[in-house]
Amino acid sequence: MTAEVAILNRNAIAMAADSAVTLQLPTGPKIYETRKLFMLSKYEPVGIMLYGSASFMDVPWETIIKTYRGQLGKSSFSSLEDYGQDLLSFVRSERRLFPSIAQNACSYRFAGYWMRTLKNI
């Protein structure tokens, strides 16, 4: 279970997250240490917290965020919403991390999972 806290006042926000992830393996639950809190920009005070899955399309969120941060460089936006929109645009268009073959494989796996789930209802 993930625990995250964000405290906001007029001037700033403080964010904190635990550092454990639990995987349900056939042999039982296994707990690993991981990072869930990252700087989204190297030059502006913008952070991002992860909750839930540690990866997207088999790519760790840490890799996605660090690649985005490198591409963002010294660019900045006037609002946090703009950072979020730019990150989503990056994920949609990034072909090095998400080549077509990987997108297809994830789509088939996702569709197969839901077909098996619906069959068992």
PDB file of N, CA and C in Angstrom:
ATOM      1  N   MET A   1       0.849  -1.173   0.000  1.00  0.00           N
ATOM      2  CA  MET A   1       0.000   0.000   0.000  1.00  0.00           C
ATOM      3  C   MET A   1       0.894   1.235   0.000  1.00  0.00           C
ATOM      4  N   THR A   2       0.524   2.208  -0.799  1.00  0.00           N
ATOM      5  CA  THR A   2       1.292   3.438  -0.887  1.00  0.00           C
ATOM      6  C   THR A   2       0.719   4.484   0.060  1.00  0.00           C
ATOM      7  N   ALA A   3       1.610   5.218   0.713  1.00  0.00           N
ATOM      8  CA  ALA A   3       1.208   6.340   1.558  1.00  0.00           C
ATOM      9  C   ALA A   3       1.858   7.595   1.000  1.00  0.00           C
ATOM     10  N   GLU A   4       1.032   8.574   0.693  1.00  0.00           N
ATOM     11  CA  GLU A   4       1.535   9.845   0.178  1.00  0.00           C
ATOM     12  C   GLU A   4       0.862  10.982   0.940  1.00  0.00           C
ATOM     13  N   VAL A   5       1.634  12.045   1.162  1.00  0.00           N
ATOM     14  CA  VAL A   5       1.129  13.207   1.876  1.00  0.00           C
ATOM     15  C   VAL A   5       1.545  14.453   1.106  1.00  0.00           C
ATOM     16  N   ALA A   6       0.620  15.382   0.966  1.00  0.00           N
ATOM     17  CA  ALA A   6       0.923  16.674   0.364  1.00  0.00           C
ATOM     18  C   ALA A   6       0.304  17.751   1.254  1.00  0.00           C
ATOM     19  N   ILE A   7       1.118  18.710   1.656  1.00  0.00           N
ATOM     20  CA  ILE A   7       0.650  19.816   2.494  1.00  0.00           C
ATOM     21  C   ILE A   7       0.843  21.086   1.696  1.00  0.00           C
ATOM     22  N   LEU A   8      -0.221  21.839   1.546  1.00  0.00           N
ATOM     23  CA  LEU A   8      -0.224  23.020   0.699  1.00  0.00           C
ATOM     24  C   LEU A   8      -0.538  24.264   1.525  1.00  0.00           C
ATOM     25  N   ASN A   9       0.221  25.333   1.299  1.00  0.00           N
ATOM     26  CA  ASN A   9      -0.153  26.637   1.831  1.00  0.00           C
ATOM     27  C   ASN A   9      -0.102  27.631   0.679  1.00  0.00           C
ATOM     28  N   ARG A  10      -0.201  28.893   0.937  1.00  0.00           N
ATOM     29  CA  ARG A  10      -0.246  29.891  -0.135  1.00  0.00           C
ATOM     30  C   ARG A  10       1.054  30.004  -0.918  1.00  0.00           C
ATOM     31  N   ASN A  11       2.159  29.600  -0.323  1.00  0.00           N
ATOM     32  CA  ASN A  11       3.457  29.810  -0.951  1.00  0.00           C
ATOM     33  C   ASN A  11       4.121  28.562  -1.490  1.00  0.00           C
ATOM     34  N   ALA A  12       3.736  27.406  -0.999  1.00  0.00           N
ATOM     35  CA  ALA A  12       4.468  26.206  -1.389  1.00  0.00           C
ATOM     36  C   ALA A  12       3.650  24.950  -1.097  1.00  0.00           C
ATOM     37  N   ILE A  13       4.213  23.833  -1.518  1.00  0.00           N
ATOM     38  CA  ILE A  13       3.643  22.531  -1.213  1.00  0.00           C
ATOM     39  C   ILE A  13       4.780  21.619  -0.768  1.00  0.00           C
ATOM     40  N   ALA A  14       4.517  20.830   0.234  1.00  0.00           N
ATOM     41  CA  ALA A  14       5.485  19.834   0.687  1.00  0.00           C
ATOM     42  C   ALA A  14       4.905  18.460   0.360  1.00  0.00           C
ATOM     43  N   MET A  15       5.716  17.608  -0.262  1.00  0.00           N
ATOM     44  CA  MET A  15       5.245  16.285  -0.658  1.00  0.00           C
ATOM     45  C   MET A  15       6.129  15.217  -0.019  1.00  0.00           C
ATOM     46  N   ALA A  16       5.505  14.105   0.356  1.00  0.00           N
ATOM     47  CA  ALA A  16       6.242  12.979   0.917  1.00  0.00           C
ATOM     48  C   ALA A  16       5.556  11.689   0.485  1.00  0.00           C
ATOM     49  N   ALA A  17       6.360  10.639   0.299  1.00  0.00           N
ATOM     50  CA  ALA A  17       5.821   9.328  -0.068  1.00  0.00           C
ATOM     51  C   ALA A  17       6.665   8.249   0.582  1.00  0.00           C
ATOM     52  N   ASP A  18       6.030   7.114   0.860  1.00  0.00           N
ATOM     53  CA  ASP A  18       6.785   5.986   1.398  1.00  0.00           C
ATOM     54  C   ASP A  18       7.688   5.423   0.295  1.00  0.00           C
ATOM     55  N   SER A  19       8.523   4.462   0.651  1.00  0.00           N
ATOM     56  CA  SER A  19       9.489   3.957  -0.329  1.00  0.00           C
ATOM     57  C   SER A  19       9.359   2.452  -0.547  1.00  0.00           C
ATOM     58  N   ALA A  20       8.167   1.906  -0.336  1.00  0.00           N
ATOM     59  CA  ALA A  20       7.991   0.465  -0.497  1.00  0.00           C
ATOM     60  C   ALA A  20       6.957   0.159  -1.572  1.00  0.00           C
ATOM     61  N   VAL A  21       7.202  -0.925  -2.288  1.00  0.00           N
ATOM     62  CA  VAL A  21       6.229  -1.440  -3.252  1.00  0.00           C
ATOM     63  C   VAL A  21       6.063  -2.925  -2.945  1.00  0.00           C
ATOM     64  N   THR A  22       4.821  -3.379  -2.960  1.00  0.00           N
ATOM     65  CA  THR A  22       4.535  -4.775  -2.675  1.00  0.00           C
ATOM     66  C   THR A  22       4.056  -5.463  -3.942  1.00  0.00           C
ATOM     67  N   LEU A  23       4.728  -6.544  -4.309  1.00  0.00           N
ATOM     68  CA  LEU A  23       4.318  -7.351  -5.453  1.00  0.00           C
ATOM     69  C   LEU A  23       3.694  -8.640  -4.941  1.00  0.00           C
ATOM     70  N   GLN A  24       2.566  -9.015  -5.541  1.00  0.00           N
ATOM     71  CA  GLN A  24       1.911 -10.274  -5.183  1.00  0.00           C
ATOM     72  C   GLN A  24       2.455 -11.360  -6.101  1.00  0.00           C
ATOM     73  N   LEU A  25       3.357 -12.163  -5.595  1.00  0.00           N
ATOM     74  CA  LEU A  25       3.971 -13.244  -6.351  1.00  0.00           C
ATOM     75  C   LEU A  25       3.302 -14.566  -5.995  1.00  0.00           C
ATOM     76  N   PRO A  26       3.441 -15.594  -6.849  1.00  0.00           N
ATOM     77  CA  PRO A  26       2.849 -16.900  -6.525  1.00  0.00           C
ATOM     78  C   PRO A  26       3.325 -17.450  -5.178  1.00  0.00           C
ATOM     79  N   THR A  27       4.531 -17.068  -4.768  1.00  0.00           N
ATOM     80  CA  THR A  27       5.075 -17.532  -3.493  1.00  0.00           C
ATOM     81  C   THR A  27       4.645 -16.661  -2.319  1.00  0.00           C
ATOM     82  N   GLY A  28       3.891 -15.604  -2.602  1.00  0.00           N
ATOM     83  CA  GLY A  28       3.439 -14.692  -1.557  1.00  0.00           C
ATOM     84  C   GLY A  28       3.907 -13.279  -1.821  1.00  0.00           C
ATOM     85  N   PRO A  29       3.499 -12.322  -0.993  1.00  0.00           N
ATOM     86  CA  PRO A  29       3.878 -10.929  -1.217  1.00  0.00           C
ATOM     87  C   PRO A  29       5.382 -10.713  -1.022  1.00  0.00           C
ATOM     88  N   LYS A  30       5.946  -9.853  -1.864  1.00  0.00           N
ATOM     89  CA  LYS A  30       7.358  -9.490  -1.772  1.00  0.00           C
ATOM     90  C   LYS A  30       7.433  -7.970  -1.763  1.00  0.00           C
ATOM     91  N   ILE A  31       8.182  -7.409  -0.808  1.00  0.00           N
ATOM     92  CA  ILE A  31       8.295  -5.953  -0.656  1.00  0.00           C
ATOM     93  C   ILE A  31       9.668  -5.501  -1.150  1.00  0.00           C
ATOM     94  N   TYR A  32       9.662  -4.486  -2.016  1.00  0.00           N
ATOM     95  CA  TYR A  32      10.883  -3.895  -2.547  1.00  0.00           C
ATOM     96  C   TYR A  32      10.915  -2.411  -2.209  1.00  0.00           C
ATOM     97  N   GLU A  33      12.115  -1.852  -2.179  1.00  0.00           N
ATOM     98  CA  GLU A  33      12.262  -0.414  -1.982  1.00  0.00           C
ATOM     99  C   GLU A  33      12.271   0.269  -3.340  1.00  0.00           C
ATOM    100  N   THR A  34      11.583   1.385  -3.446  1.00  0.00           N
ATOM    101  CA  THR A  34      11.509   2.122  -4.703  1.00  0.00           C
ATOM    102  C   THR A  34      11.327   3.606  -4.431  1.00  0.00           C
ATOM    103  N   ARG A  35      11.484   4.402  -5.475  1.00  0.00           N
ATOM    104  CA  ARG A  35      11.246   5.846  -5.367  1.00  0.00           C
ATOM    105  C   ARG A  35       9.874   6.154  -5.941  1.00  0.00           C
ATOM    106  N   LYS A  36       9.140   7.046  -5.270  1.00  0.00           N
ATOM    107  CA  LYS A  36       7.812   7.441  -5.725  1.00  0.00           C
ATOM    108  C   LYS A  36       7.674   8.956  -5.855  1.00  0.00           C
ATOM    109  N   LEU A  37       8.736   9.666  -5.546  1.00  0.00           N
ATOM    110  CA  LEU A  37       8.712  11.124  -5.555  1.00  0.00           C
ATOM    111  C   LEU A  37       9.889  11.602  -6.406  1.00  0.00           C
ATOM    112  N   PHE A  38       9.601  12.421  -7.433  1.00  0.00           N
ATOM    113  CA  PHE A  38      10.627  12.854  -8.379  1.00  0.00           C
ATOM    114  C   PHE A  38      10.504  14.337  -8.689  1.00  0.00           C
ATOM    115  N   MET A  39      11.618  14.928  -9.082  1.00  0.00           N
ATOM    116  CA  MET A  39      11.614  16.282  -9.633  1.00  0.00           C
ATOM    117  C   MET A  39      11.194  16.154 -11.098  1.00  0.00           C
ATOM    118  N   LEU A  40      10.156  16.869 -11.494  1.00  0.00           N
ATOM    119  CA  LEU A  40       9.722  16.835 -12.894  1.00  0.00           C
ATOM    120  C   LEU A  40      10.581  17.767 -13.735  1.00  0.00           C
ATOM    121  N   SER A  41      11.093  18.823 -13.103  1.00  0.00           N
ATOM    122  CA  SER A  41      11.969  19.783 -13.765  1.00  0.00           C
ATOM    123  C   SER A  41      13.252  19.913 -12.962  1.00  0.00           C
ATOM    124  N   LYS A  42      14.359  20.018 -13.664  1.00  0.00           N
ATOM    125  CA  LYS A  42      15.644  20.209 -12.985  1.00  0.00           C
ATOM    126  C   LYS A  42      15.840  21.664 -12.569  1.00  0.00           C
ATOM    127  N   TYR A  43      15.108  22.583 -13.206  1.00  0.00           N
ATOM    128  CA  TYR A  43      15.337  24.008 -13.001  1.00  0.00           C
ATOM    129  C   TYR A  43      14.188  24.743 -12.309  1.00  0.00           C
ATOM    130  N   GLU A  44      13.026  24.126 -12.230  1.00  0.00           N
ATOM    131  CA  GLU A  44      11.862  24.741 -11.587  1.00  0.00           C
ATOM    132  C   GLU A  44      11.396  23.826 -10.447  1.00  0.00           C
ATOM    133  N   PRO A  45      10.775  24.394  -9.418  1.00  0.00           N
ATOM    134  CA  PRO A  45      10.336  23.577  -8.273  1.00  0.00           C
ATOM    135  C   PRO A  45       9.026  22.836  -8.564  1.00  0.00           C
ATOM    136  N   VAL A  46       9.118  21.839  -9.439  1.00  0.00           N
ATOM    137  CA  VAL A  46       7.945  21.061  -9.837  1.00  0.00           C
ATOM    138  C   VAL A  46       8.252  19.586  -9.570  1.00  0.00           C
ATOM    139  N   GLY A  47       7.392  18.930  -8.800  1.00  0.00           N
ATOM    140  CA  GLY A  47       7.601  17.532  -8.468  1.00  0.00           C
ATOM    141  C   GLY A  47       6.438  16.682  -8.917  1.00  0.00           C
ATOM    142  N   ILE A  48       6.643  15.382  -8.858  1.00  0.00           N
ATOM    143  CA  ILE A  48       5.597  14.431  -9.226  1.00  0.00           C
ATOM    144  C   ILE A  48       5.684  13.234  -8.287  1.00  0.00           C
ATOM    145  N   MET A  49       4.523  12.744  -7.833  1.00  0.00           N
ATOM    146  CA  MET A  49       4.464  11.555  -6.980  1.00  0.00           C
ATOM    147  C   MET A  49       3.784  10.443  -7.762  1.00  0.00           C
ATOM    148  N   LEU A  50       4.277   9.222  -7.567  1.00  0.00           N
ATOM    149  CA  LEU A  50       3.696   8.052  -8.222  1.00  0.00           C
ATOM    150  C   LEU A  50       2.827   7.295  -7.241  1.00  0.00           C
ATOM    151  N   TYR A  51       1.744   6.784  -7.754  1.00  0.00           N
ATOM    152  CA  TYR A  51       0.830   5.977  -6.955  1.00  0.00           C
ATOM    153  C   TYR A  51       0.327   4.850  -7.847  1.00  0.00           C
ATOM    154  N   GLY A  52       0.300   3.653  -7.352  1.00  0.00           N
ATOM    155  CA  GLY A  52      -0.179   2.533  -8.156  1.00  0.00           C
ATOM    156  C   GLY A  52       0.968   1.874  -8.890  1.00  0.00           C
ATOM    157  N   SER A  53       0.783   1.662 -10.170  1.00  0.00           N
ATOM    158  CA  SER A  53       1.765   0.936 -10.968  1.00  0.00           C
ATOM    159  C   SER A  53       3.095   1.677 -11.045  1.00  0.00           C
ATOM    160  N   ALA A  54       4.185   0.914 -10.932  1.00  0.00           N
ATOM    161  CA  ALA A  54       5.528   1.494 -10.996  1.00  0.00           C
ATOM    162  C   ALA A  54       6.016   1.634 -12.423  1.00  0.00           C
ATOM    163  N   SER A  55       5.197   1.181 -13.387  1.00  0.00           N
ATOM    164  CA  SER A  55       5.609   1.275 -14.785  1.00  0.00           C
ATOM    165  C   SER A  55       4.411   1.568 -15.669  1.00  0.00           C
ATOM    166  N   PHE A  56       4.711   1.987 -16.890  1.00  0.00           N
ATOM    167  CA  PHE A  56       3.695   2.236 -17.913  1.00  0.00           C
ATOM    168  C   PHE A  56       4.176   1.555 -19.175  1.00  0.00           C
ATOM    169  N   MET A  57       3.391   0.633 -19.688  1.00  0.00           N
ATOM    170  CA  MET A  57       3.769  -0.143 -20.868  1.00  0.00           C
ATOM    171  C   MET A  57       5.148  -0.781 -20.694  1.00  0.00           C
ATOM    172  N   ASP A  58       5.359  -1.352 -19.533  1.00  0.00           N
ATOM    173  CA  ASP A  58       6.596  -2.074 -19.180  1.00  0.00           C
ATOM    174  C   ASP A  58       7.820  -1.181 -19.035  1.00  0.00           C
ATOM    175  N   VAL A  59       7.653   0.131 -19.042  1.00  0.00           N
ATOM    176  CA  VAL A  59       8.765   1.057 -18.833  1.00  0.00           C
ATOM    177  C   VAL A  59       8.588   1.673 -17.447  1.00  0.00           C
ATOM    178  N   PRO A  60       9.595   1.590 -16.579  1.00  0.00           N
ATOM    179  CA  PRO A  60       9.458   2.178 -15.241  1.00  0.00           C
ATOM    180  C   PRO A  60       9.169   3.682 -15.325  1.00  0.00           C
ATOM    181  N   TRP A  61       8.255   4.142 -14.462  1.00  0.00           N
ATOM    182  CA  TRP A  61       7.943   5.571 -14.433  1.00  0.00           C
ATOM    183  C   TRP A  61       9.194   6.404 -14.161  1.00  0.00           C
ATOM    184  N   GLU A  62      10.097   5.882 -13.369  1.00  0.00           N
ATOM    185  CA  GLU A  62      11.339   6.611 -13.091  1.00  0.00           C
ATOM    186  C   GLU A  62      12.083   6.910 -14.386  1.00  0.00           C
ATOM    187  N   THR A  63      12.161   5.952 -15.292  1.00  0.00           N
ATOM    188  CA  THR A  63      12.821   6.148 -16.587  1.00  0.00           C
ATOM    189  C   THR A  63      12.067   7.169 -17.427  1.00  0.00           C
ATOM    190  N   ILE A  64      10.746   7.059 -17.450  1.00  0.00           N
ATOM    191  CA  ILE A  64       9.923   7.997 -18.227  1.00  0.00           C
ATOM    192  C   ILE A  64      10.126   9.418 -17.718  1.00  0.00           C
ATOM    193  N   ILE A  65      10.069   9.600 -16.403  1.00  0.00           N
ATOM    194  CA  ILE A  65      10.188  10.945 -15.816  1.00  0.00           C
ATOM    195  C   ILE A  65      11.576  11.520 -16.045  1.00  0.00           C
ATOM    196  N   LYS A  66      12.612  10.720 -15.876  1.00  0.00           N
ATOM    197  CA  LYS A  66      13.977  11.223 -16.084  1.00  0.00           C
ATOM    198  C   LYS A  66      14.227  11.558 -17.551  1.00  0.00           C
ATOM    199  N   THR A  67      13.667  10.780 -18.468  1.00  0.00           N
ATOM    200  CA  THR A  67      13.798  11.087 -19.897  1.00  0.00           C
ATOM    201  C   THR A  67      13.059  12.375 -20.223  1.00  0.00           C
ATOM    202  N   TYR A  68      11.850  12.525 -19.682  1.00  0.00           N
ATOM    203  CA  TYR A  68      11.086  13.756 -19.888  1.00  0.00           C
ATOM    204  C   TYR A  68      11.839  14.962 -19.335  1.00  0.00           C
ATOM    205  N   ARG A  69      12.368  14.833 -18.130  1.00  0.00           N
ATOM    206  CA  ARG A  69      13.106  15.930 -17.501  1.00  0.00           C
ATOM    207  C   ARG A  69      14.292  16.351 -18.368  1.00  0.00           C
ATOM    208  N   GLY A  70      14.980  15.386 -18.957  1.00  0.00           N
ATOM    209  CA  GLY A  70      16.095  15.707 -19.844  1.00  0.00           C
ATOM    210  C   GLY A  70      15.646  16.457 -21.087  1.00  0.00           C
ATOM    211  N   GLN A  71      14.506  16.047 -21.642  1.00  0.00           N
ATOM    212  CA  GLN A  71      13.979  16.729 -22.824  1.00  0.00           C
ATOM    213  C   GLN A  71      13.459  18.124 -22.472  1.00  0.00           C
ATOM    214  N   LEU A  72      12.854  18.251 -21.294  1.00  0.00           N
ATOM    215  CA  LEU A  72      12.303  19.537 -20.865  1.00  0.00           C
ATOM    216  C   LEU A  72      13.399  20.586 -20.737  1.00  0.00           C
ATOM    217  N   GLY A  73      14.565  20.176 -20.243  1.00  0.00           N
ATOM    218  CA  GLY A  73      15.681  21.104 -20.102  1.00  0.00           C
ATOM    219  C   GLY A  73      15.310  22.312 -19.261  1.00  0.00           C
ATOM    220  N   LYS A  74      15.645  23.499 -19.747  1.00  0.00           N
ATOM    221  CA  LYS A  74      15.363  24.739 -19.017  1.00  0.00           C
ATOM    222  C   LYS A  74      14.000  25.330 -19.343  1.00  0.00           C
ATOM    223  N   SER A  75      13.212  24.640 -20.170  1.00  0.00           N
ATOM    224  CA  SER A  75      11.862  25.134 -20.489  1.00  0.00           C
ATOM    225  C   SER A  75      11.015  25.161 -19.224  1.00  0.00           C
ATOM    226  N   SER A  76      10.085  26.077 -19.180  1.00  0.00           N
ATOM    227  CA  SER A  76       9.178  26.156 -18.035  1.00  0.00           C
ATOM    228  C   SER A  76       7.792  26.544 -18.521  1.00  0.00           C
ATOM    229  N   PHE A  77       6.811  26.329 -17.652  1.00  0.00           N
ATOM    230  CA  PHE A  77       5.423  26.650 -17.960  1.00  0.00           C
ATOM    231  C   PHE A  77       4.864  27.524 -16.855  1.00  0.00           C
ATOM    232  N   SER A  78       3.779  28.211 -17.161  1.00  0.00           N
ATOM    233  CA  SER A  78       3.201  29.141 -16.189  1.00  0.00           C
ATOM    234  C   SER A  78       2.299  28.461 -15.175  1.00  0.00           C
ATOM    235  N   SER A  79       1.919  27.199 -15.418  1.00  0.00           N
ATOM    236  CA  SER A  79       1.048  26.517 -14.468  1.00  0.00           C
ATOM    237  C   SER A  79       1.421  25.036 -14.367  1.00  0.00           C
ATOM    238  N   LEU A  80       1.034  24.409 -13.266  1.00  0.00           N
ATOM    239  CA  LEU A  80       1.279  22.980 -13.094  1.00  0.00           C
ATOM    240  C   LEU A  80       0.489  22.170 -14.113  1.00  0.00           C
ATOM    241  N   GLU A  81      -0.706  22.642 -14.457  1.00  0.00           N
ATOM    242  CA  GLU A  81      -1.511  21.954 -15.469  1.00  0.00           C
ATOM    243  C   GLU A  81      -0.757  21.874 -16.794  1.00  0.00           C
ATOM    244  N   ASP A  82      -0.041  22.938 -17.143  1.00  0.00           N
ATOM    245  CA  ASP A  82       0.741  22.937 -18.384  1.00  0.00           C
ATOM    246  C   ASP A  82       1.861  21.901 -18.335  1.00  0.00           C
ATOM    247  N   TYR A  83       2.499  21.733 -17.171  1.00  0.00           N
ATOM    248  CA  TYR A  83       3.520  20.681 -17.032  1.00  0.00           C
ATOM    249  C   TYR A  83       2.879  19.306 -17.243  1.00  0.00           C
ATOM    250  N   GLY A  84       1.712  19.104 -16.640  1.00  0.00           N
ATOM    251  CA  GLY A  84       1.017  17.828 -16.783  1.00  0.00           C
ATOM    252  C   GLY A  84       0.648  17.548 -18.236  1.00  0.00           C
ATOM    253  N   GLN A  85       0.131  18.559 -18.920  1.00  0.00           N
ATOM    254  CA  GLN A  85      -0.229  18.388 -20.329  1.00  0.00           C
ATOM    255  C   GLN A  85       1.001  18.086 -21.182  1.00  0.00           C
ATOM    256  N   ASP A  86       2.112  18.749 -20.876  1.00  0.00           N
ATOM    257  CA  ASP A  86       3.338  18.513 -21.639  1.00  0.00           C
ATOM    258  C   ASP A  86       3.877  17.105 -21.381  1.00  0.00           C
ATOM    259  N   LEU A  87       3.796  16.641 -20.138  1.00  0.00           N
ATOM    260  CA  LEU A  87       4.229  15.277 -19.826  1.00  0.00           C
ATOM    261  C   LEU A  87       3.369  14.267 -20.581  1.00  0.00           C
ATOM    262  N   LEU A  88       2.054  14.455 -20.603  1.00  0.00           N
ATOM    263  CA  LEU A  88       1.177  13.547 -21.335  1.00  0.00           C
ATOM    264  C   LEU A  88       1.475  13.572 -22.831  1.00  0.00           C
ATOM    265  N   SER A  89       1.733  14.744 -23.364  1.00  0.00           N
ATOM    266  CA  SER A  89       2.102  14.865 -24.772  1.00  0.00           C
ATOM    267  C   SER A  89       3.406  14.120 -25.062  1.00  0.00           C
ATOM    268  N   PHE A  90       4.367  14.229 -24.140  1.00  0.00           N
ATOM    269  CA  PHE A  90       5.635  13.517 -24.269  1.00  0.00           C
ATOM    270  C   PHE A  90       5.400  12.005 -24.314  1.00  0.00           C
ATOM    271  N   VAL A  91       4.581  11.495 -23.393  1.00  0.00           N
ATOM    272  CA  VAL A  91       4.315  10.054 -23.337  1.00  0.00           C
ATOM    273  C   VAL A  91       3.619   9.592 -24.620  1.00  0.00           C
ATOM    274  N   ARG A  92       2.694  10.385 -25.122  1.00  0.00           N
ATOM    275  CA  ARG A  92       1.980  10.019 -26.357  1.00  0.00           C
ATOM    276  C   ARG A  92       2.903   9.958 -27.569  1.00  0.00           C
ATOM    277  N   SER A  93       3.900  10.817 -27.614  1.00  0.00           N
ATOM    278  CA  SER A  93       4.732  10.924 -28.820  1.00  0.00           C
ATOM    279  C   SER A  93       6.094  10.240 -28.711  1.00  0.00           C
ATOM    280  N   GLU A  94       6.480   9.792 -27.527  1.00  0.00           N
ATOM    281  CA  GLU A  94       7.810   9.213 -27.316  1.00  0.00           C
ATOM    282  C   GLU A  94       7.914   7.841 -27.971  1.00  0.00           C
ATOM    283  N   ARG A  95       8.749   7.717 -28.973  1.00  0.00           N
ATOM    284  CA  ARG A  95       8.899   6.452 -29.696  1.00  0.00           C
ATOM    285  C   ARG A  95      10.119   5.653 -29.247  1.00  0.00           C
ATOM    286  N   ARG A  96      11.087   6.292 -28.616  1.00  0.00           N
ATOM    287  CA  ARG A  96      12.248   5.542 -28.131  1.00  0.00           C
ATOM    288  C   ARG A  96      11.849   4.635 -26.975  1.00  0.00           C
ATOM    289  N   LEU A  97      11.038   5.159 -26.056  1.00  0.00           N
ATOM    290  CA  LEU A  97      10.589   4.366 -24.906  1.00  0.00           C
ATOM    291  C   LEU A  97       9.414   3.464 -25.247  1.00  0.00           C
ATOM    292  N   PHE A  98       8.585   3.909 -26.193  1.00  0.00           N
ATOM    293  CA  PHE A  98       7.358   3.185 -26.533  1.00  0.00           C
ATOM    294  C   PHE A  98       7.283   2.930 -28.041  1.00  0.00           C
ATOM    295  N   PRO A  99       8.152   2.066 -28.579  1.00  0.00           N
ATOM    296  CA  PRO A  99       8.079   1.773 -30.010  1.00  0.00           C
ATOM    297  C   PRO A  99       6.773   1.058 -30.350  1.00  0.00           C
ATOM    298  N   SER A 100       6.383   1.100 -31.598  1.00  0.00           N
ATOM    299  CA  SER A 100       5.110   0.508 -32.031  1.00  0.00           C
ATOM    300  C   SER A 100       4.977  -0.947 -31.621  1.00  0.00           C
ATOM    301  N   ILE A 101       6.042  -1.713 -31.743  1.00  0.00           N
ATOM    302  CA  ILE A 101       5.968  -3.141 -31.393  1.00  0.00           C
ATOM    303  C   ILE A 101       5.640  -3.334 -29.910  1.00  0.00           C
ATOM    304  N   ALA A 102       6.190  -2.479 -29.044  1.00  0.00           N
ATOM    305  CA  ALA A 102       5.889  -2.566 -27.608  1.00  0.00           C
ATOM    306  C   ALA A 102       4.454  -2.125 -27.335  1.00  0.00           C
ATOM    307  N   GLN A 103       3.989  -1.093 -28.042  1.00  0.00           N
ATOM    308  CA  GLN A 103       2.607  -0.643 -27.879  1.00  0.00           C
ATOM    309  C   GLN A 103       1.634  -1.756 -28.269  1.00  0.00           C
ATOM    310  N   ASN A 104       1.923  -2.439 -29.378  1.00  0.00           N
ATOM    311  CA  ASN A 104       1.058  -3.532 -29.823  1.00  0.00           C
ATOM    312  C   ASN A 104       1.056  -4.667 -28.808  1.00  0.00           C
ATOM    313  N   ALA A 105       2.229  -5.038 -28.307  1.00  0.00           N
ATOM    314  CA  ALA A 105       2.322  -6.130 -27.333  1.00  0.00           C
ATOM    315  C   ALA A 105       1.524  -5.804 -26.069  1.00  0.00           C
ATOM    316  N   CYS A 106       1.643  -4.571 -25.575  1.00  0.00           N
ATOM    317  CA  CYS A 106       0.893  -4.171 -24.377  1.00  0.00           C
ATOM    318  C   CYS A 106      -0.610  -4.160 -24.644  1.00  0.00           C
ATOM    319  N   SER A 107      -1.000  -3.718 -25.840  1.00  0.00           N
ATOM    320  CA  SER A 107      -2.424  -3.689 -26.194  1.00  0.00           C
ATOM    321  C   SER A 107      -3.007  -5.093 -26.231  1.00  0.00           C
ATOM    322  N   TYR A 108      -2.279  -6.031 -26.842  1.00  0.00           N
ATOM    323  CA  TYR A 108      -2.750  -7.413 -26.902  1.00  0.00           C
ATOM    324  C   TYR A 108      -2.848  -8.024 -25.511  1.00  0.00           C
ATOM    325  N   ARG A 109      -1.858  -7.761 -24.680  1.00  0.00           N
ATOM    326  CA  ARG A 109      -1.871  -8.288 -23.309  1.00  0.00           C
ATOM    327  C   ARG A 109      -3.062  -7.727 -22.527  1.00  0.00           C
ATOM    328  N   PHE A 110      -3.298  -6.411 -22.663  1.00  0.00           N
ATOM    329  CA  PHE A 110      -4.399  -5.743 -21.979  1.00  0.00           C
ATOM    330  C   PHE A 110      -5.735  -6.308 -22.450  1.00  0.00           C
ATOM    331  N   ALA A 111      -5.911  -6.428 -23.763  1.00  0.00           N
ATOM    332  CA  ALA A 111      -7.157  -6.960 -24.315  1.00  0.00           C
ATOM    333  C   ALA A 111      -7.357  -8.408 -23.872  1.00  0.00           C
ATOM    334  N   GLY A 112      -6.291  -9.198 -23.888  1.00  0.00           N
ATOM    335  CA  GLY A 112      -6.381 -10.593 -23.466  1.00  0.00           C
ATOM    336  C   GLY A 112      -6.788 -10.716 -22.005  1.00  0.00           C
ATOM    337  N   TYR A 113      -6.216  -9.855 -21.164  1.00  0.00           N
ATOM    338  CA  TYR A 113      -6.568  -9.867 -19.740  1.00  0.00           C
ATOM    339  C   TYR A 113      -8.068  -9.627 -19.565  1.00  0.00           C
ATOM    340  N   TRP A 114      -8.607  -8.608 -20.247  1.00  0.00           N
ATOM    341  CA  TRP A 114     -10.024  -8.289 -20.082  1.00  0.00           C
ATOM    342  C   TRP A 114     -10.928  -9.348 -20.709  1.00  0.00           C
ATOM    343  N   MET A 115     -10.487  -9.976 -21.788  1.00  0.00           N
ATOM    344  CA  MET A 115     -11.281 -11.052 -22.383  1.00  0.00           C
ATOM    345  C   MET A 115     -11.377 -12.243 -21.407  1.00  0.00           C
ATOM    346  N   ARG A 116     -10.246 -12.598 -20.765  1.00  0.00           N
ATOM    347  CA  ARG A 116     -10.270 -13.685 -19.782  1.00  0.00           C
ATOM    348  C   ARG A 116     -11.130 -13.313 -18.579  1.00  0.00           C
ATOM    349  N   THR A 117     -11.051 -12.047 -18.146  1.00  0.00           N
ATOM    350  CA  THR A 117     -11.850 -11.588 -17.008  1.00  0.00           C
ATOM    351  C   THR A 117     -13.338 -11.669 -17.340  1.00  0.00           C
ATOM    352  N   LEU A 118     -13.726 -11.194 -18.519  1.00  0.00           N
ATOM    353  CA  LEU A 118     -15.133 -11.228 -18.913  1.00  0.00           C
ATOM    354  C   LEU A 118     -15.636 -12.668 -19.080  1.00  0.00           C
ATOM    355  N   LYS A 119     -14.788 -13.542 -19.573  1.00  0.00           N
ATOM    356  CA  LYS A 119     -15.156 -14.940 -19.758  1.00  0.00           C
ATOM    357  C   LYS A 119     -15.466 -15.605 -18.408  1.00  0.00           C
ATOM    358  N   ASN A 120     -14.765 -15.186 -17.358  1.00  0.00           N
ATOM    359  CA  ASN A 120     -14.937 -15.791 -16.034  1.00  0.00           C
ATOM    360  C   ASN A 120     -16.060 -15.191 -15.222  1.00  0.00           C
ATOM    361  N   ILE A 121     -16.744 -14.189 -15.752  1.00  0.00           N
ATOM    362  CA  ILE A 121     -17.857 -13.556 -14.993  1.00  0.00           C
ATOM    363  C   ILE A 121     -19.100 -14.419 -15.072  1.00  0.00           C
TER     364      ILE A 121
END
